[in-house]
């Protein structure tokens, strides 16, 4: 796992300034390997779409990773014919390697990539990059697993995709919904710090990038997409799945041992200058634990008072069940609002229903303890009953927190670590840089940028 030096903590996100027309705002990379048939129609279609719909200057970069057919010549011809197209050739295979190389050298503030088959409908491209341009998010991904997505693909690929994302959720606690959709974007300032930490050079590159970004507290925006499977895809599913599982194990081990310097990726608490002066903002887990303990202590007191009141009129089992039911409803409502920060009425019924399931588990623990007490002592004293119930409730409380965090309120990600800045950072500038495969800096042109045709690389 890489632990290379990187430039340091990220500044607060800023809306991209309206820069000069000579520098593209968006650089869309198309990684290809032996795609002589599909490359030209793909680039033509993408260029036409961007010309008609994208309100900023753009570039399309063809990243040929060691093709053995005529793909390099097709890419070179496209770069010669279209001003906004450039090509770059790597002599080693690997989609991740191609993206890392081109993204690291690009001068565009927004970096994106898409698969050459254009399985994803291009109308999602502007919604994908808009949150990055505005400064709202750090990365953006297209999701085929969103409820509003429309996807056409076979049962085999559907099963593999959903199984893989379930593995990520279970093993790496990933909260993003679709790691493998070939339709992603990232801010250049984020890529500059994040890419040195990503080790994979193949298909797992996307997943590793997203997991590290999420663990560092960066914001990932998801866009529902319309997606149609390419029946002629050359992706080797079994080999790719095996490599992905090896990557999951490697990244999980690195995260567990703390060998990744994710603190380099933290952002200030907020983009308002006043927020940069806030100190000691607790991380999500610590804040939730404190809130849950406070609510739990009050709930336990409330439960004991209810139990004592109900016990006057009924038996211990009935009193326990009634006290637990009332306190469980109050506990779920309090944790929903105070511990996990859920606002509004959306999902109230579902949360309460799930809370009642958790209540059922607590009821089983406490009722079981009372049954065991009765079997052991015959007619125990009231103080003994309370002591046993307190111990059973402590066990139920720990389980309740785990279930609330992982099941009832799973969509509240941990707050990112707070970085206190002494003063507001200056707005980023996006100067024209010399690309490693070009023979000079990008020339100026209005309203769209042009690129020296010598920048293309042919075999």
Protein backbone atom coordinates (compact mmCIF):
# COMPACT_ATOMS: atom_id res chain seq x y z
CA UNK A 1 0.00 0.00 0.00
CA UNK A 2 1.42 3.37 -1.00
CA UNK A 3 2.43 5.83 1.68
CA UNK A 4 4.15 8.30 -0.66
CA UNK A 5 4.57 11.87 0.36
CA UNK A 6 1.79 14.11 -0.85
CA UNK A 7 1.27 17.87 -0.77
CA UNK A 8 -0.71 17.94 2.48
CA UNK A 9 -4.09 18.85 3.85
CA UNK A 10 -6.69 20.03 1.36
CA UNK A 11 -8.06 23.57 1.62
CA UNK A 12 -11.77 24.30 1.85
CA UNK A 13 -13.66 23.64 -1.38
CA UNK A 14 -14.21 26.68 -3.56
CA UNK A 15 -16.39 27.28 -6.60
CA UNK A 16 -14.15 27.15 -9.64
CA UNK A 17 -13.40 30.68 -10.85
CA UNK A 18 -14.43 31.68 -14.34
CA UNK A 19 -11.02 31.09 -15.87
CA UNK A 20 -9.56 32.02 -19.23
CA UNK A 21 -10.89 30.26 -22.30
CA UNK A 22 -7.52 28.70 -23.09
CA UNK A 23 -7.64 26.21 -20.19
CA UNK A 24 -10.33 23.53 -20.26
CA UNK A 25 -12.50 23.16 -17.17
CA UNK A 26 -13.16 19.48 -17.88
CA UNK A 27 -10.80 16.79 -19.13
CA UNK A 28 -12.65 13.58 -20.05
CA UNK A 29 -10.28 10.61 -20.29
CA UNK A 30 -11.23 7.55 -22.34
CA UNK A 31 -8.92 4.62 -21.45
CA UNK A 32 -8.74 2.14 -24.34
CA UNK A 33 -7.11 -1.15 -25.19
CA UNK A 34 -7.59 -2.57 -28.70
CA UNK A 35 -10.68 -0.49 -29.44
CA UNK A 36 -10.05 0.32 -33.10
CA UNK A 37 -13.69 -0.39 -33.98
CA UNK A 38 -15.46 1.64 -31.27
CA UNK A 39 -13.05 4.50 -30.63
CA UNK A 40 -13.97 6.83 -33.49
CA UNK A 41 -17.78 6.72 -33.04
CA UNK A 42 -17.34 7.06 -29.28
CA UNK A 43 -15.15 10.16 -29.48
CA UNK A 44 -17.30 11.73 -32.20
CA UNK A 45 -20.47 11.19 -30.19
CA UNK A 46 -18.92 12.48 -26.96
CA UNK A 47 -17.46 15.54 -28.67
CA UNK A 48 -20.78 16.38 -30.30
CA UNK A 49 -22.59 16.04 -26.97
CA UNK A 50 -20.11 18.27 -25.12
CA UNK A 51 -20.13 20.88 -27.88
CA UNK A 52 -23.94 21.10 -27.73
CA UNK A 53 -24.56 20.87 -24.00
CA UNK A 54 -21.47 21.62 -21.91
CA UNK A 55 -21.16 25.32 -21.01
CA UNK A 56 -17.40 25.29 -20.34
CA UNK A 57 -14.23 24.61 -22.30
CA UNK A 58 -13.37 20.91 -22.38
CA UNK A 59 -10.83 18.38 -23.58
CA UNK A 60 -11.17 14.71 -24.54
CA UNK A 61 -8.05 12.65 -23.89
CA UNK A 62 -7.67 9.18 -25.40
CA UNK A 63 -5.46 7.11 -23.08
CA UNK A 64 -4.23 4.13 -25.06
CA UNK A 65 -2.70 1.57 -22.72
CA UNK A 66 -0.54 -0.71 -24.87
CA UNK A 67 -3.00 -1.51 -27.67
CA UNK A 68 -1.69 -3.98 -30.24
CA UNK A 69 -4.15 -3.17 -33.06
CA UNK A 70 -4.64 0.09 -34.97
CA UNK A 71 -6.11 1.95 -31.98
CA UNK A 72 -3.08 4.33 -31.70
CA UNK A 73 -3.46 5.39 -35.35
CA UNK A 74 -7.21 5.96 -34.93
CA UNK A 75 -6.51 8.06 -31.83
CA UNK A 76 -3.86 10.08 -33.66
CA UNK A 77 -6.22 10.82 -36.56
CA UNK A 78 -8.96 11.94 -34.18
CA UNK A 79 -6.51 14.26 -32.40
CA UNK A 80 -5.50 15.74 -35.76
CA UNK A 81 -9.11 16.24 -36.87
CA UNK A 82 -10.68 17.63 -33.67
CA UNK A 83 -9.11 20.51 -31.75
CA UNK A 84 -10.51 19.41 -28.38
CA UNK A 85 -9.14 15.86 -28.68
CA UNK A 86 -5.66 14.72 -27.72
CA UNK A 87 -4.14 11.26 -27.40
CA UNK A 88 -1.58 9.68 -25.14
CA UNK A 89 -0.04 6.21 -25.32
CA UNK A 90 1.30 4.08 -22.48
CA UNK A 91 3.46 1.06 -23.18
CA UNK A 92 1.98 -0.88 -20.24
CA UNK A 93 -1.55 -2.16 -19.81
CA UNK A 94 -3.83 -1.13 -16.97
CA UNK A 95 -6.85 1.15 -16.86
CA UNK A 96 -5.84 2.48 -13.46
CA UNK A 97 -2.32 3.21 -14.69
CA UNK A 98 -3.69 5.12 -17.68
CA UNK A 99 -6.05 7.22 -15.54
CA UNK A 100 -3.37 7.97 -12.95
CA UNK A 101 -0.88 9.09 -15.60
CA UNK A 102 -3.24 11.35 -17.54
CA UNK A 103 -5.00 12.79 -14.49
CA UNK A 104 -1.70 13.58 -12.78
CA UNK A 105 -0.52 15.58 -15.81
CA UNK A 106 -3.77 17.31 -16.77
CA UNK A 107 -4.20 21.06 -16.26
CA UNK A 108 -8.02 20.87 -16.09
CA UNK A 109 -9.55 21.48 -12.63
CA UNK A 110 -12.17 18.76 -13.21
CA UNK A 111 -11.03 15.30 -14.30
CA UNK A 112 -13.43 12.62 -15.51
CA UNK A 113 -13.38 9.33 -17.31
CA UNK A 114 -15.83 7.06 -19.09
CA UNK A 115 -15.68 3.72 -20.84
CA UNK A 116 -15.29 3.69 -24.59
CA UNK A 117 -18.54 1.76 -25.13
CA UNK A 118 -20.52 4.75 -23.77
CA UNK A 119 -22.87 2.41 -21.94
CA UNK A 120 -23.83 5.33 -19.69
CA UNK A 121 -26.21 7.88 -21.18
CA UNK A 122 -24.28 11.12 -21.73
CA UNK A 123 -27.08 13.28 -20.33
CA UNK A 124 -25.68 12.38 -16.89
CA UNK A 125 -22.31 14.00 -17.64
CA UNK A 126 -23.20 17.58 -16.70
CA UNK A 127 -24.98 16.49 -13.45
CA UNK A 128 -21.87 14.42 -12.70
CA UNK A 129 -19.38 17.29 -12.84
CA UNK A 130 -21.61 20.19 -11.71
CA UNK A 131 -21.17 19.49 -7.95
CA UNK A 132 -17.40 19.47 -8.46
CA UNK A 133 -17.40 22.75 -10.36
CA UNK A 134 -19.59 24.39 -7.71
CA UNK A 135 -17.34 23.24 -4.88
CA UNK A 136 -20.03 21.11 -3.26
CA UNK A 137 -18.31 17.71 -3.67
CA UNK A 138 -14.86 16.21 -4.10
CA UNK A 139 -15.67 13.21 -6.28
CA UNK A 140 -18.72 12.15 -8.31
CA UNK A 141 -19.77 8.73 -9.55
CA UNK A 142 -22.49 7.39 -11.77
CA UNK A 143 -24.63 4.78 -10.03
CA UNK A 144 -26.52 1.98 -11.75
CA UNK A 145 -27.89 0.78 -8.42
CA UNK A 146 -29.80 3.93 -7.51
CA UNK A 147 -33.56 3.52 -7.39
CA UNK A 148 -34.08 6.05 -10.16
CA UNK A 149 -31.45 4.53 -12.46
CA UNK A 150 -32.58 2.66 -15.55
CA UNK A 151 -30.35 -0.28 -16.39
CA UNK A 152 -30.45 -2.90 -19.12
CA UNK A 153 -28.07 -5.82 -18.55
CA UNK A 154 -28.02 -9.58 -18.16
CA UNK A 155 -28.70 -11.44 -14.93
CA UNK A 156 -25.07 -12.60 -14.65
CA UNK A 157 -23.56 -9.11 -14.66
CA UNK A 158 -26.35 -7.84 -12.41
CA UNK A 159 -25.61 -10.56 -9.85
CA UNK A 160 -21.84 -9.97 -9.97
CA UNK A 161 -22.21 -6.20 -9.63
CA UNK A 162 -24.59 -6.34 -6.68
CA UNK A 163 -22.59 -9.06 -4.96
CA UNK A 164 -19.38 -7.06 -5.31
CA UNK A 165 -20.95 -3.94 -3.83
CA UNK A 166 -22.36 -5.99 -0.94
CA UNK A 167 -18.84 -7.30 -0.29
CA UNK A 168 -17.54 -3.73 -0.19
CA UNK A 169 -20.25 -2.70 2.26
CA UNK A 170 -19.64 -5.68 4.50
CA UNK A 171 -15.83 -5.72 4.46
CA UNK A 172 -14.77 -2.09 3.95
CA UNK A 173 -17.94 -0.38 5.26
CA UNK A 174 -18.32 1.42 1.91
CA UNK A 175 -21.38 3.65 1.71
CA UNK A 176 -21.26 4.52 -2.00
CA UNK A 177 -23.61 2.36 -4.03
CA UNK A 178 -21.73 1.50 -7.25
CA UNK A 179 -17.95 1.15 -7.39
CA UNK A 180 -17.62 -0.26 -10.89
CA UNK A 181 -19.64 2.03 -13.14
CA UNK A 182 -17.21 3.48 -15.70
CA UNK A 183 -18.45 7.03 -15.25
CA UNK A 184 -16.60 9.07 -12.61
CA UNK A 185 -15.12 12.51 -11.96
CA UNK A 186 -12.78 14.10 -9.42
CA UNK A 187 -11.48 17.57 -8.65
CA UNK A 188 -7.84 18.02 -9.64
CA UNK A 189 -6.80 19.34 -6.24
CA UNK A 190 -8.22 16.16 -4.67
CA UNK A 191 -6.60 13.88 -7.26
CA UNK A 192 -3.24 15.53 -6.68
CA UNK A 193 -3.29 14.38 -3.03
CA UNK A 194 -5.29 11.16 -3.38
CA UNK A 195 -3.61 9.48 -6.37
CA UNK A 196 -0.22 8.88 -4.63
CA UNK A 197 -2.07 6.74 -2.06
CA UNK A 198 -3.78 4.49 -4.63
CA UNK A 199 -1.72 1.42 -5.47
CA UNK A 200 -3.83 -0.53 -7.98
CA UNK A 201 -3.20 0.01 -11.68
CA UNK A 202 -6.05 -2.13 -13.05
CA UNK A 203 -9.80 -2.42 -12.58
CA UNK A 204 -9.70 -2.11 -8.78
CA UNK A 205 -8.32 1.43 -9.16
CA UNK A 206 -11.83 2.95 -8.97
CA UNK A 207 -12.80 1.08 -5.82
CA UNK A 208 -9.56 1.88 -4.01
CA UNK A 209 -9.86 5.55 -4.92
CA UNK A 210 -13.43 5.74 -3.60
CA UNK A 211 -12.78 3.79 -0.38
CA UNK A 212 -9.81 5.96 0.57
CA UNK A 213 -11.69 9.14 -0.27
CA UNK A 214 -14.68 8.08 1.80
CA UNK A 215 -12.56 7.00 4.78
CA UNK A 216 -10.84 10.40 4.68
CA UNK A 217 -14.21 12.16 4.93
CA UNK A 218 -14.29 13.52 1.39
CA UNK A 219 -17.71 14.08 -0.16
CA UNK A 220 -18.76 11.67 -2.93
CA UNK A 221 -21.72 12.72 -5.06
CA UNK A 222 -23.78 10.00 -6.75
CA UNK A 223 -25.72 10.48 -9.97
CA UNK A 224 -28.40 8.00 -11.10
CA UNK A 225 -27.63 6.93 -14.66
CA UNK A 226 -29.30 5.20 -17.57
CA UNK A 227 -27.04 2.34 -18.55
CA UNK A 228 -27.18 -0.30 -21.29
CA UNK A 229 -24.83 -3.27 -21.13
CA UNK A 230 -22.39 -3.75 -24.00
CA UNK A 231 -22.73 -7.40 -25.08
CA UNK A 232 -19.35 -7.20 -26.83
CA UNK A 233 -17.44 -6.12 -23.72
CA UNK A 234 -13.94 -7.61 -23.55
CA UNK A 235 -13.73 -7.47 -19.74
CA UNK A 236 -12.74 -10.86 -18.28
CA UNK A 237 -15.24 -11.13 -15.42
CA UNK A 238 -13.63 -13.98 -13.45
CA UNK A 239 -10.10 -12.56 -13.54
CA UNK A 240 -11.37 -9.06 -12.75
CA UNK A 241 -13.45 -10.34 -9.82
CA UNK A 242 -10.44 -12.24 -8.44
CA UNK A 243 -8.19 -9.18 -8.68
CA UNK A 244 -10.89 -7.05 -7.04
CA UNK A 245 -11.17 -9.44 -4.07
CA UNK A 246 -7.38 -9.34 -3.64
CA UNK A 247 -7.61 -5.56 -3.67
CA UNK A 248 -10.37 -5.59 -1.05
CA UNK A 249 -8.17 -7.69 1.23
CA UNK A 250 -5.13 -5.42 0.70
CA UNK A 251 -7.01 -2.17 1.32
CA UNK A 252 -8.87 -3.63 4.30
CA UNK A 253 -5.60 -4.72 5.87
CA UNK A 254 -4.04 -1.28 5.30
CA UNK A 255 -7.04 0.47 6.85
CA UNK A 256 -7.06 -1.91 9.83
CA UNK A 257 -3.36 -1.36 10.55
CA UNK A 258 -3.56 2.42 10.05
CA UNK A 259 -0.75 2.47 7.49
CA UNK A 260 -2.47 5.00 5.25
CA UNK A 261 -1.91 8.71 5.95
CA UNK A 262 -5.54 9.68 5.32
CA UNK A 263 -5.13 12.83 7.40
CA UNK A 264 -3.54 14.38 4.31
CA UNK A 265 -6.96 14.32 2.66
CA UNK A 266 -8.97 16.11 5.34
CA UNK A 267 -10.78 19.34 4.60
CA UNK A 268 -11.87 22.13 6.96
CA UNK A 269 -15.18 21.56 8.72
CA UNK A 270 -17.00 23.95 6.40
CA UNK A 271 -16.41 26.40 3.60
CA UNK A 272 -17.60 29.42 5.58
CA UNK A 273 -14.52 31.21 7.01
CA UNK A 274 -16.17 31.18 10.43
CA UNK A 275 -16.24 27.37 10.36
CA UNK A 276 -12.47 27.24 9.95
CA UNK A 277 -12.09 28.68 13.45
CA UNK A 278 -14.15 25.91 15.09
CA UNK A 279 -11.98 23.76 17.34
CA UNK A 280 -12.41 20.28 18.78
CA UNK A 281 -15.34 19.23 16.63
CA UNK A 282 -15.77 15.53 17.53
CA UNK A 283 -15.65 12.88 14.87
CA UNK A 284 -18.87 11.15 13.98
CA UNK A 285 -18.38 7.99 16.02
CA UNK A 286 -17.27 9.82 19.16
CA UNK A 287 -20.17 12.27 18.92
CA UNK A 288 -22.65 9.46 18.36
CA UNK A 289 -21.32 7.49 21.31
CA UNK A 290 -21.64 10.50 23.61
CA UNK A 291 -25.15 11.24 22.39
CA UNK A 292 -26.21 7.61 22.62
CA UNK A 293 -24.87 7.26 26.17
CA UNK A 294 -26.73 10.38 27.31
CA UNK A 295 -29.96 9.23 25.68
CA UNK A 296 -29.40 5.71 26.99
CA UNK A 297 -28.90 6.89 30.57
CA UNK A 298 -32.08 8.96 30.46
CA UNK A 299 -33.96 6.10 28.77
CA UNK A 300 -32.83 3.65 31.44
CA UNK A 301 -34.01 5.99 34.19
CA UNK A 302 -37.30 6.47 32.35
CA UNK A 303 -37.63 2.70 31.91
CA UNK A 304 -37.01 2.00 35.61
CA UNK A 305 -39.59 4.59 36.66
CA UNK A 306 -42.12 3.09 34.25
CA UNK A 307 -41.35 -0.44 35.42
CA UNK A 308 -41.76 0.53 39.07
CA UNK A 309 -45.09 2.20 38.26
CA UNK A 310 -46.44 -0.68 36.18
CA UNK A 311 -45.19 -3.23 38.73
CA UNK A 312 -47.69 -1.90 41.28
CA UNK A 313 -50.61 -2.98 39.07
CA UNK A 314 -49.29 -6.06 37.25
CA UNK A 315 -46.72 -8.85 37.22
CA UNK A 316 -43.02 -8.42 36.48
CA UNK A 317 -43.16 -9.72 32.88
CA UNK A 318 -46.06 -7.47 31.87
CA UNK A 319 -44.55 -4.47 33.63
CA UNK A 320 -41.21 -5.10 31.91
CA UNK A 321 -42.81 -5.39 28.46
CA UNK A 322 -44.88 -2.20 28.85
CA UNK A 323 -41.97 -0.20 30.26
CA UNK A 324 -39.68 -1.38 27.47
CA UNK A 325 -42.23 -0.58 24.77
CA UNK A 326 -42.85 3.01 25.89
CA UNK A 327 -39.18 3.72 26.59
CA UNK A 328 -38.14 2.13 23.28
CA UNK A 329 -40.36 4.49 21.28
CA UNK A 330 -38.99 7.47 23.21
CA UNK A 331 -35.42 6.16 22.88
CA UNK A 332 -35.67 5.71 19.09
CA UNK A 333 -37.11 9.21 18.66
CA UNK A 334 -34.40 10.77 20.85
CA UNK A 335 -31.54 8.91 19.15
CA UNK A 336 -32.94 9.72 15.72
CA UNK A 337 -32.85 13.44 16.44
CA UNK A 338 -29.98 13.89 18.89
CA UNK A 339 -27.52 11.06 18.23
CA UNK A 340 -27.74 10.51 14.47
CA UNK A 341 -28.95 13.97 13.46
CA UNK A 342 -31.92 12.89 11.35
CA UNK A 343 -34.27 15.83 10.76
CA UNK A 344 -37.83 15.99 9.46
CA UNK A 345 -40.54 13.36 9.28
CA UNK A 346 -39.11 11.36 6.41
CA UNK A 347 -38.60 7.74 7.44
CA UNK A 348 -40.11 8.19 10.91
CA UNK A 349 -42.40 5.17 10.60
CA UNK A 350 -39.63 2.96 9.22
CA UNK A 351 -37.21 4.06 11.93
CA UNK A 352 -39.76 3.37 14.65
CA UNK A 353 -40.56 -0.04 13.16
CA UNK A 354 -36.88 -0.94 13.09
CA UNK A 355 -36.57 0.45 16.60
CA UNK A 356 -39.32 -1.91 17.72
CA UNK A 357 -37.36 -4.82 16.29
CA UNK A 358 -34.41 -3.69 18.39
CA UNK A 359 -36.86 -3.39 21.28
CA UNK A 360 -37.84 -7.01 20.72
CA UNK A 361 -34.24 -8.07 21.12
CA UNK A 362 -33.98 -6.06 24.34
CA UNK A 363 -37.22 -7.60 25.55
CA UNK A 364 -35.84 -11.07 24.93
CA UNK A 365 -32.70 -10.27 26.92
CA UNK A 366 -34.47 -8.71 29.89
CA UNK A 367 -37.35 -11.20 29.95
CA UNK A 368 -34.87 -14.03 29.76
CA UNK A 369 -32.98 -12.60 32.70
CA UNK A 370 -36.20 -12.42 34.74
CA UNK A 371 -37.08 -16.01 33.87
CA UNK A 372 -33.61 -17.12 34.93
CA UNK A 373 -33.92 -15.13 38.17
CA UNK A 374 -37.31 -16.65 39.01
CA UNK A 375 -36.01 -20.14 38.30
CA UNK A 376 -33.00 -19.59 40.53
CA UNK A 377 -34.50 -17.77 43.51
CA UNK A 378 -38.21 -18.50 43.71
CA UNK A 379 -39.46 -15.08 44.96
CA UNK A 380 -36.60 -12.55 44.57
CA UNK A 381 -36.66 -9.13 46.20
CA UNK A 382 -37.61 -6.07 44.17
CA UNK A 383 -34.07 -4.67 44.51
CA UNK A 384 -32.65 -7.89 43.08
CA UNK A 385 -35.03 -7.68 40.12
CA UNK A 386 -33.86 -4.12 39.43
CA UNK A 387 -30.19 -5.12 39.62
CA UNK A 388 -30.67 -7.98 37.17
CA UNK A 389 -32.66 -5.76 34.82
CA UNK A 390 -29.96 -3.07 34.90
CA UNK A 391 -27.32 -5.62 33.90
CA UNK A 392 -29.53 -7.00 31.11
CA UNK A 393 -30.27 -3.49 29.89
CA UNK A 394 -26.58 -2.65 29.70
CA UNK A 395 -26.05 -5.61 27.37
CA UNK A 396 -29.13 -4.64 25.35
CA UNK A 397 -27.85 -1.04 25.15
CA UNK A 398 -24.56 -2.04 23.53
CA UNK A 399 -26.41 -4.17 21.00
CA UNK A 400 -28.92 -1.38 20.40
CA UNK A 401 -26.19 1.11 19.50
CA UNK A 402 -24.60 -1.30 17.02
CA UNK A 403 -27.95 -2.01 15.39
CA UNK A 404 -28.92 1.67 15.27
CA UNK A 405 -25.61 2.63 13.67
CA UNK A 406 -25.42 -0.22 11.17
CA UNK A 407 -29.09 -0.83 10.36
CA UNK A 408 -31.63 1.76 11.56
CA UNK A 409 -29.62 4.90 10.71
CA UNK A 410 -26.91 3.68 8.31
CA UNK A 411 -26.94 6.75 6.07
CA UNK A 412 -25.28 9.14 8.50
CA UNK A 413 -21.58 8.97 7.56
CA UNK A 414 -18.99 9.92 10.10
CA UNK A 415 -18.14 13.59 10.12
CA UNK A 416 -14.71 14.27 8.64
CA UNK A 417 -11.85 15.25 10.86
CA UNK A 418 -11.69 18.96 11.50
CA UNK A 419 -8.69 20.92 10.36
CA UNK A 420 -8.35 24.38 11.82
CA UNK A 421 -6.88 26.93 9.47
CA UNK A 422 -5.35 30.10 10.77
CA UNK A 423 -6.74 32.05 7.85
CA UNK A 424 -8.85 31.42 4.80
CA UNK A 425 -6.79 29.78 2.05
CA UNK A 426 -6.39 31.68 -1.18
CA UNK A 427 -8.61 30.58 -4.05
CA UNK A 428 -6.99 27.97 -6.29
CA UNK A 429 -5.55 29.01 -9.61
CA UNK A 430 -5.42 26.82 -12.64
CA UNK A 431 -2.43 27.84 -14.68
CA UNK A 432 -1.60 26.21 -17.97
CA UNK A 433 0.90 23.42 -17.40
CA UNK A 434 3.12 21.57 -19.81
CA UNK A 435 1.94 18.00 -20.31
CA UNK A 436 4.66 15.34 -20.32
CA UNK A 437 3.72 14.03 -23.75
CA UNK A 438 3.46 17.43 -25.43
CA UNK A 439 6.16 19.56 -27.03
CA UNK A 440 5.15 22.74 -25.26
CA UNK A 441 2.42 24.47 -23.27
CA UNK A 442 -1.12 24.45 -24.55
CA UNK A 443 -1.67 27.33 -27.01
CA UNK A 444 -4.38 29.91 -26.42
CA UNK A 445 -7.59 29.97 -28.38
CA UNK A 446 -11.11 31.33 -27.94
CA UNK A 447 -13.80 30.29 -27.28
CA UNK A 448 -12.60 26.67 -27.14
CA UNK A 449 -9.02 25.53 -26.32
CA UNK A 450 -6.88 23.98 -29.03
CA UNK A 451 -4.04 21.59 -28.51
CA UNK A 452 -0.93 21.26 -30.60
CA UNK A 453 -1.38 18.23 -32.81
CA UNK A 454 2.16 17.20 -31.86
CA UNK A 455 0.73 16.33 -28.42
CA UNK A 456 -0.70 13.10 -29.84
CA UNK A 457 1.41 10.03 -29.55
CA UNK A 458 1.36 7.36 -32.24
CA UNK A 459 3.07 4.07 -32.49
